[in-house]
Amino acid sequence: MASATVLDSRGERLSPCSAERAHDLLRAGRAALISSDPFVIQLDRVIDVPEHQSAKAESPLLGKRLLLHICCAPCATFTVSYLREQGAQVTGLWFNPNIHPYSEHQRRLETLERYAREIDLDMIYDPGYRMVEFLRSVSGHERFRGTDGGRCRVCYRMRLARTAEIADRDGFDLFSTTLLISPYQDIEAIHEIGDSVAQGTSANFYFENLRRGFAEHHTLSREHHLYMQRYCGCIYSEWEALDRSASTLCSDT
């Protein structure tokens, strides 16, 4: 559910809250509705905000339109919630040509579609399934994750470049990715590539290390009964996951 802008009785802007919390305050008579779109409420009392909380209310994301590349529904749970709490107007983007096989791609897509409806998240779904394009791009770069010049950097660039293109086309202020929540991804490479593909566009890449939300994203995923995959997405990560499983089995015998 989207966030709401909150004012105190003097009209001072406070930290945004979830729309659900805002509705609770309205029903309890503790706030008045100022605007439905954008959603703004005003509390019935003065709030003296400590300096550190006031700084949060002045988040660089406040009021910004942000296009969020989403790799899967579980990674969107904490990420979308956090960005909304910081005042961003978040729209999700599904563009993941790396995911193999097609049945896996569709299962993750369908899970995200359901979750987006549950949390009232506007989405852009890039049409088609461009796995052939992805495989051609990583050809010759199939080395394992974390290797300089390896396939993961190619994959990051492909997905972030498309996100930057759509953000520029549709007038977003910022773009980012849920990949920043995963401890299994190279977030420094993502930061570098995000800034690179933003060059020449009207949208800036928003970088923040969101790994602190990784444990919570598992809890939220279970609460929403989301499909949680066992590998990153591409055929190579699937093979590595199976290979690790095989190694574990061998060591136990």
Protein backbone atom coordinates (compact mmCIF):
# COMPACT_ATOMS: atom_id res chain seq x y z
CA MET A 1 0.00 0.00 0.00
CA ALA A 2 1.26 3.52 -0.83
CA SER A 3 2.60 5.94 1.75
CA ALA A 4 0.90 9.08 3.07
CA THR A 5 2.38 12.50 3.73
CA VAL A 6 1.85 13.52 7.38
CA LEU A 7 1.58 17.07 8.75
CA ASP A 8 1.23 18.10 12.37
CA SER A 9 -1.39 20.66 13.49
CA ARG A 10 0.98 23.52 12.58
CA GLY A 11 1.41 22.17 9.07
CA GLU A 12 4.96 20.97 9.73
CA ARG A 13 5.90 18.00 7.55
CA LEU A 14 6.68 14.80 9.46
CA SER A 15 7.98 11.43 8.33
CA PRO A 16 5.57 9.70 5.93
CA CYS A 17 3.57 6.71 7.15
CA SER A 18 1.88 3.81 5.40
CA ALA A 19 -1.56 4.44 3.92
CA GLU A 20 -2.95 1.78 6.25
CA ARG A 21 -1.64 3.66 9.31
CA ALA A 22 -3.01 6.93 7.92
CA HIS A 23 -6.48 5.42 7.54
CA ASP A 24 -6.29 4.15 11.12
CA LEU A 25 -5.56 7.71 12.34
CA LEU A 26 -8.44 9.12 10.30
CA ARG A 27 -10.90 6.53 11.64
CA ALA A 28 -9.77 7.25 15.22
CA GLY A 29 -10.37 10.99 14.75
CA ARG A 30 -6.71 11.74 15.40
CA ALA A 31 -6.10 13.24 11.94
CA ALA A 32 -7.94 15.08 9.19
CA LEU A 33 -7.79 14.32 5.48
CA ILE A 34 -6.11 17.14 3.55
CA SER A 35 -5.85 15.46 0.15
CA SER A 36 -6.68 12.07 -1.33
CA ASP A 37 -4.29 12.34 -4.30
CA PRO A 38 -1.60 12.82 -3.21
CA PHE A 39 -2.58 11.24 0.12
CA VAL A 40 -1.97 13.86 2.84
CA ILE A 41 -3.27 13.88 6.42
CA GLN A 42 -2.89 16.41 9.25
CA LEU A 43 -2.64 15.35 12.87
CA ASP A 44 -4.70 17.03 15.57
CA ARG A 45 -1.66 17.92 17.67
CA VAL A 46 1.75 19.55 17.54
CA ILE A 47 4.67 17.15 17.16
CA ASP A 48 8.10 18.28 18.32
CA VAL A 49 10.38 16.29 16.06
CA PRO A 50 13.91 15.47 17.27
CA GLU A 51 16.59 16.65 14.89
CA HIS A 52 17.45 13.15 13.62
CA GLN A 53 13.80 12.43 12.81
CA SER A 54 13.41 15.77 11.05
CA ALA A 55 16.34 14.82 8.84
CA LYS A 56 14.51 11.61 7.91
CA ALA A 57 11.46 13.64 6.90
CA GLU A 58 13.74 15.52 4.49
CA SER A 59 14.82 12.31 2.77
CA PRO A 60 16.26 12.81 -0.74
CA LEU A 61 13.53 10.42 -1.91
CA LEU A 62 10.66 12.55 -0.61
CA GLY A 63 8.22 13.17 -3.44
CA LYS A 64 10.52 11.64 -6.06
CA ARG A 65 9.17 9.34 -8.77
CA LEU A 66 11.35 6.23 -8.65
CA LEU A 67 11.34 3.36 -11.14
CA LEU A 68 12.41 0.21 -9.31
CA HIS A 69 13.74 -2.74 -11.28
CA ILE A 70 12.40 -5.83 -9.51
CA CYS A 71 14.26 -9.12 -9.84
CA CYS A 72 11.60 -11.08 -7.91
CA ALA A 73 8.70 -10.54 -5.51
CA PRO A 74 10.59 -11.57 -2.34
CA CYS A 75 13.29 -8.94 -2.93
CA ALA A 76 10.56 -6.35 -3.50
CA THR A 77 8.99 -6.83 -0.06
CA PHE A 78 11.34 -4.87 2.20
CA THR A 79 12.68 -2.71 -0.63
CA VAL A 80 9.35 -1.25 -1.75
CA SER A 81 8.19 -0.74 1.84
CA TYR A 82 11.41 1.06 2.79
CA LEU A 83 11.47 3.33 -0.27
CA ARG A 84 7.84 4.27 0.31
CA GLU A 85 8.57 5.08 3.95
CA GLN A 86 11.27 7.47 2.71
CA GLY A 87 8.65 9.27 0.65
CA ALA A 88 9.38 7.89 -2.82
CA GLN A 89 6.57 7.34 -5.31
CA VAL A 90 7.59 3.84 -6.42
CA THR A 91 6.71 2.13 -9.68
CA GLY A 92 8.04 -1.37 -10.31
CA LEU A 93 9.61 -2.68 -13.51
CA TRP A 94 9.74 -6.34 -14.54
CA PHE A 95 12.60 -6.95 -16.99
CA ASN A 96 14.59 -10.11 -16.33
CA PRO A 97 15.67 -11.84 -19.55
CA ASN A 98 18.29 -13.79 -17.60
CA ILE A 99 15.75 -16.06 -15.88
CA HIS A 100 15.83 -19.66 -17.11
CA PRO A 101 13.87 -21.73 -17.96
CA TYR A 102 10.75 -20.03 -19.33
CA SER A 103 8.54 -21.77 -16.74
CA GLU A 104 10.70 -20.25 -13.98
CA HIS A 105 10.45 -16.82 -15.59
CA GLN A 106 6.66 -17.08 -15.67
CA ARG A 107 6.37 -18.38 -12.11
CA ARG A 108 8.38 -15.45 -10.77
CA LEU A 109 6.43 -13.02 -12.94
CA GLU A 110 3.07 -14.37 -11.76
CA THR A 111 4.20 -14.19 -8.13
CA LEU A 112 5.19 -10.56 -8.59
CA GLU A 113 1.92 -9.71 -10.33
CA ARG A 114 -0.04 -11.07 -7.37
CA TYR A 115 2.15 -9.33 -4.80
CA ALA A 116 2.00 -5.99 -6.66
CA ARG A 117 -1.80 -6.15 -6.52
CA GLU A 118 -1.68 -6.89 -2.79
CA ILE A 119 0.45 -3.83 -1.99
CA ASP A 120 -1.09 -1.54 -4.63
CA LEU A 121 2.18 -1.16 -6.52
CA ASP A 122 2.04 0.31 -10.02
CA MET A 123 4.02 -1.88 -12.42
CA ILE A 124 5.55 -1.74 -15.88
CA TYR A 125 6.00 -5.16 -17.47
CA ASP A 126 8.52 -5.23 -20.30
CA PRO A 127 6.94 -7.51 -22.92
CA GLY A 128 8.39 -10.74 -24.23
CA TYR A 129 11.09 -13.13 -23.08
CA ARG A 130 14.54 -12.11 -24.30
CA MET A 131 16.63 -15.01 -23.04
CA VAL A 132 18.34 -15.47 -26.42
CA GLU A 133 19.51 -11.86 -26.29
CA PHE A 134 20.80 -12.42 -22.76
CA LEU A 135 22.70 -15.59 -23.71
CA ARG A 136 24.30 -13.84 -26.67
CA SER A 137 25.36 -10.98 -24.40
CA VAL A 138 27.04 -13.22 -21.83
CA SER A 139 28.68 -15.50 -24.39
CA GLY A 140 32.37 -15.52 -23.56
CA HIS A 141 31.71 -14.12 -20.08
CA GLU A 142 30.31 -17.26 -18.44
CA ARG A 143 32.90 -17.28 -15.69
CA PHE A 144 31.65 -17.63 -12.14
CA ARG A 145 30.09 -14.79 -10.20
CA GLY A 146 32.38 -12.12 -8.81
CA THR A 147 34.98 -12.50 -11.55
CA ASP A 148 35.94 -9.19 -13.20
CA GLY A 149 34.25 -9.00 -16.57
CA GLY A 150 32.11 -12.03 -15.75
CA ARG A 151 28.51 -12.67 -16.68
CA CYS A 152 26.96 -10.94 -13.66
CA ARG A 153 28.27 -7.53 -14.70
CA VAL A 154 26.88 -8.11 -18.19
CA CYS A 155 23.54 -9.06 -16.67
CA TYR A 156 23.48 -6.03 -14.37
CA ARG A 157 24.19 -3.72 -17.27
CA MET A 158 21.53 -5.24 -19.48
CA ARG A 159 18.80 -4.91 -16.87
CA LEU A 160 19.84 -1.51 -15.51
CA ALA A 161 20.28 -0.02 -18.98
CA ARG A 162 16.71 -0.98 -19.84
CA THR A 163 15.50 0.45 -16.52
CA ALA A 164 17.33 3.74 -17.18
CA GLU A 165 15.87 3.88 -20.68
CA ILE A 166 12.29 3.48 -19.42
CA ALA A 167 12.88 5.89 -16.51
CA ASP A 168 14.10 8.50 -19.00
CA ARG A 169 11.22 7.84 -21.41
CA ASP A 170 8.52 8.06 -18.74
CA GLY A 171 9.89 11.03 -16.81
CA PHE A 172 11.01 9.35 -13.57
CA ASP A 173 13.36 11.28 -11.29
CA LEU A 174 15.29 8.19 -10.17
CA PHE A 175 15.72 4.50 -10.88
CA SER A 176 17.06 1.68 -8.73
CA THR A 177 16.95 -2.10 -8.30
CA THR A 178 15.92 -4.67 -5.70
CA LEU A 179 19.24 -6.41 -6.35
CA LEU A 180 20.68 -4.04 -3.74
CA ILE A 181 19.08 -6.08 -0.94
CA SER A 182 20.88 -9.31 -1.77
CA PRO A 183 24.17 -10.26 -0.07
CA TYR A 184 24.79 -12.57 -3.05
CA GLN A 185 25.03 -9.69 -5.54
CA ASP A 186 28.01 -7.39 -6.15
CA ILE A 187 26.46 -4.10 -5.04
CA GLU A 188 29.59 -2.08 -5.81
CA ALA A 189 29.39 -3.28 -9.41
CA ILE A 190 25.68 -2.45 -9.44
CA HIS A 191 26.46 1.05 -8.12
CA GLU A 192 29.11 1.63 -10.77
CA ILE A 193 26.95 0.32 -13.62
CA GLY A 194 23.84 2.15 -12.41
CA ASP A 195 25.70 5.47 -12.44
CA SER A 196 27.16 4.63 -15.85
CA VAL A 197 23.86 3.85 -17.59
CA ALA A 198 22.27 6.96 -16.04
CA GLN A 199 24.63 9.15 -18.03
CA GLY A 200 22.78 10.98 -20.77
CA THR A 201 19.34 10.30 -19.26
CA SER A 202 17.05 12.55 -17.21
CA ALA A 203 16.95 10.06 -14.31
CA ASN A 204 19.65 9.45 -11.70
CA PHE A 205 20.54 6.06 -10.27
CA TYR A 206 19.57 5.77 -6.60
CA PHE A 207 22.05 3.64 -4.66
CA GLU A 208 21.64 2.46 -1.09
CA ASN A 209 22.90 -0.70 0.57
CA LEU A 210 19.66 -2.42 1.63
CA ARG A 211 21.17 -5.66 2.89
CA ARG A 212 20.04 -4.83 6.42
CA GLY A 213 16.55 -5.76 5.22
CA PHE A 214 17.52 -9.19 3.92
CA ALA A 215 16.35 -11.12 6.99
CA GLU A 216 13.08 -9.17 7.09
CA HIS A 217 12.47 -9.87 3.41
CA HIS A 218 12.37 -13.60 4.21
CA THR A 219 9.79 -13.00 6.95
CA LEU A 220 7.65 -10.82 4.69
CA SER A 221 7.88 -13.33 1.86
CA ARG A 222 6.55 -16.10 4.10
CA GLU A 223 3.76 -13.85 5.40
CA HIS A 224 2.64 -13.16 1.83
CA HIS A 225 3.13 -16.80 0.73
CA LEU A 226 5.51 -15.81 -2.05
CA TYR A 227 7.38 -18.28 -4.20
CA MET A 228 11.04 -18.15 -3.14
CA GLN A 229 13.49 -19.38 -5.75
CA ARG A 230 16.67 -21.32 -5.03
CA TYR A 231 18.98 -19.64 -7.56
CA CYS A 232 19.60 -16.19 -8.98
CA GLY A 233 17.89 -16.84 -12.29
CA CYS A 234 20.22 -17.66 -15.18
CA ILE A 235 21.10 -21.12 -16.39
CA TYR A 236 24.61 -20.75 -15.00
CA SER A 237 23.44 -19.87 -11.48
CA GLU A 238 20.99 -22.77 -11.64
CA TRP A 239 23.82 -25.10 -12.57
CA GLU A 240 26.02 -23.73 -9.75
CA ALA A 241 23.21 -24.18 -7.23
CA LEU A 242 22.74 -27.79 -8.32
CA ASP A 243 26.48 -28.35 -8.29
CA ARG A 244 26.73 -27.07 -4.69
CA SER A 245 23.88 -29.38 -3.74
CA ALA A 246 25.66 -32.29 -5.37
CA SER A 247 28.88 -31.42 -3.55
CA THR A 248 27.00 -31.32 -0.24
CA LEU A 249 25.44 -34.70 -0.91
CA CYS A 250 28.81 -36.19 -1.78
CA SER A 251 30.38 -34.85 1.40
CA ASP A 252 27.62 -36.38 3.50
CA THR A 253 28.08 -39.89 2.14
